[in-house]
Amino acid sequence: IADPIPSIRWECLRDGAEDYEYFVRLGRLVRQAEGRKVEARLLQRARALLRVPRAVVADMTAFTHDPRVVNEYRAKLARVIERLQREMK
């Protein structure tokens, strides 16, 4: 069986799967952090990031076409995930 042929569509599918994993991971970390002494502001920020703003996606057909908006949101998710992981060591 041959490997899939690289394409923009495959890259978008991969990015979507990675985005989903960020949300799953952040959700788990928030639940774990609630039982520990984690800075309240950090926990509040993490919970807020779990609610995707309408500027990124409003529904299945209304979403941003600006990749910078999505990439900035991904970066915010990543920073909070990393910080929560450090806080809970």
Protein backbone atom coordinates (compact mmCIF):
# COMPACT_ATOMS: atom_id res chain seq x y z
CA ILE A 1 0.00 0.00 0.00
CA ALA A 2 1.40 3.36 -0.99
CA ASP A 3 1.65 6.31 1.36
CA PRO A 4 -0.97 9.04 0.94
CA ILE A 5 -0.03 11.73 -1.54
CA PRO A 6 0.70 15.00 0.30
CA SER A 7 -1.94 17.64 -0.27
CA ILE A 8 -3.45 20.69 1.36
CA ARG A 9 -6.49 18.60 2.24
CA TRP A 10 -4.35 16.09 4.19
CA GLU A 11 -2.56 18.94 5.95
CA CYS A 12 -5.92 20.42 6.98
CA LEU A 13 -7.10 17.05 8.30
CA ARG A 14 -3.89 16.68 10.30
CA ASP A 15 -4.20 20.22 11.69
CA GLY A 16 -7.80 19.54 12.70
CA ALA A 17 -6.81 16.35 14.51
CA GLU A 18 -4.03 18.21 16.33
CA ASP A 19 -6.42 21.01 17.29
CA TYR A 20 -8.86 18.45 18.69
CA GLU A 21 -6.05 16.88 20.71
CA TYR A 22 -5.15 20.30 22.16
CA PHE A 23 -8.72 20.74 23.40
CA VAL A 24 -8.86 17.20 24.83
CA ARG A 25 -5.52 17.65 26.57
CA LEU A 26 -6.46 21.08 27.95
CA GLY A 27 -9.81 19.75 29.20
CA ARG A 28 -8.05 16.93 31.06
CA LEU A 29 -5.51 19.30 32.55
CA VAL A 30 -8.25 21.65 33.75
CA ARG A 31 -10.05 18.77 35.48
CA GLN A 32 -6.80 17.61 37.10
CA ALA A 33 -5.84 21.14 38.14
CA GLU A 34 -9.17 21.72 39.87
CA GLY A 35 -8.15 19.28 42.57
CA ARG A 36 -4.72 20.83 43.06
CA LYS A 37 -3.31 24.15 44.13
CA VAL A 38 -3.02 25.81 40.73
CA GLU A 39 -3.08 29.57 40.32
CA ALA A 40 -6.73 30.62 39.98
CA ARG A 41 -6.04 33.04 37.11
CA LEU A 42 -4.30 30.31 35.11
CA LEU A 43 -7.19 27.91 35.66
CA GLN A 44 -9.69 30.60 34.69
CA ARG A 45 -7.74 31.36 31.51
CA ALA A 46 -7.59 27.66 30.62
CA ARG A 47 -11.35 27.26 31.07
CA ALA A 48 -11.95 30.32 28.88
CA LEU A 49 -9.79 28.86 26.10
CA LEU A 50 -12.00 25.77 26.02
CA ARG A 51 -14.79 28.01 24.69
CA VAL A 52 -13.78 28.80 21.13
CA PRO A 53 -14.54 32.43 20.28
CA ARG A 54 -16.86 33.26 17.40
CA ALA A 55 -13.94 35.07 15.75
CA VAL A 56 -12.42 31.63 15.17
CA VAL A 57 -15.51 29.54 14.50
CA ALA A 58 -19.19 30.29 15.01
CA ASP A 59 -20.66 27.05 13.65
CA MET A 60 -20.07 24.40 10.98
CA THR A 61 -20.37 26.91 8.14
CA ALA A 62 -19.23 30.19 9.71
CA PHE A 63 -15.55 30.40 10.55
CA THR A 64 -12.55 32.62 9.96
CA HIS A 65 -10.69 32.39 6.68
CA ASP A 66 -7.67 34.12 8.20
CA PRO A 67 -5.05 31.53 9.20
CA ARG A 68 -3.42 34.04 11.57
CA VAL A 69 -6.51 33.99 13.81
CA VAL A 70 -6.41 30.19 14.04
CA ASN A 71 -2.65 30.06 14.53
CA GLU A 72 -2.79 32.66 17.33
CA TYR A 73 -5.49 30.66 19.11
CA ARG A 74 -3.44 27.46 18.74
CA ALA A 75 -0.44 29.24 20.24
CA LYS A 76 -2.53 30.40 23.22
CA LEU A 77 -3.77 26.84 23.78
CA ALA A 78 -0.22 25.48 23.60
CA ARG A 79 1.15 28.04 26.07
CA VAL A 80 -1.57 27.32 28.63
CA ILE A 81 -1.17 23.55 28.20
CA GLU A 82 2.57 23.84 28.79
CA ARG A 83 2.10 26.10 31.80
CA LEU A 84 -0.50 23.83 33.41
CA GLN A 85 1.78 20.83 32.88
CA ARG A 86 4.65 22.66 34.62
CA GLU A 87 2.40 23.79 37.48
CA MET A 88 1.23 20.26 38.21
CA LYS A 89 4.62 18.57 38.39
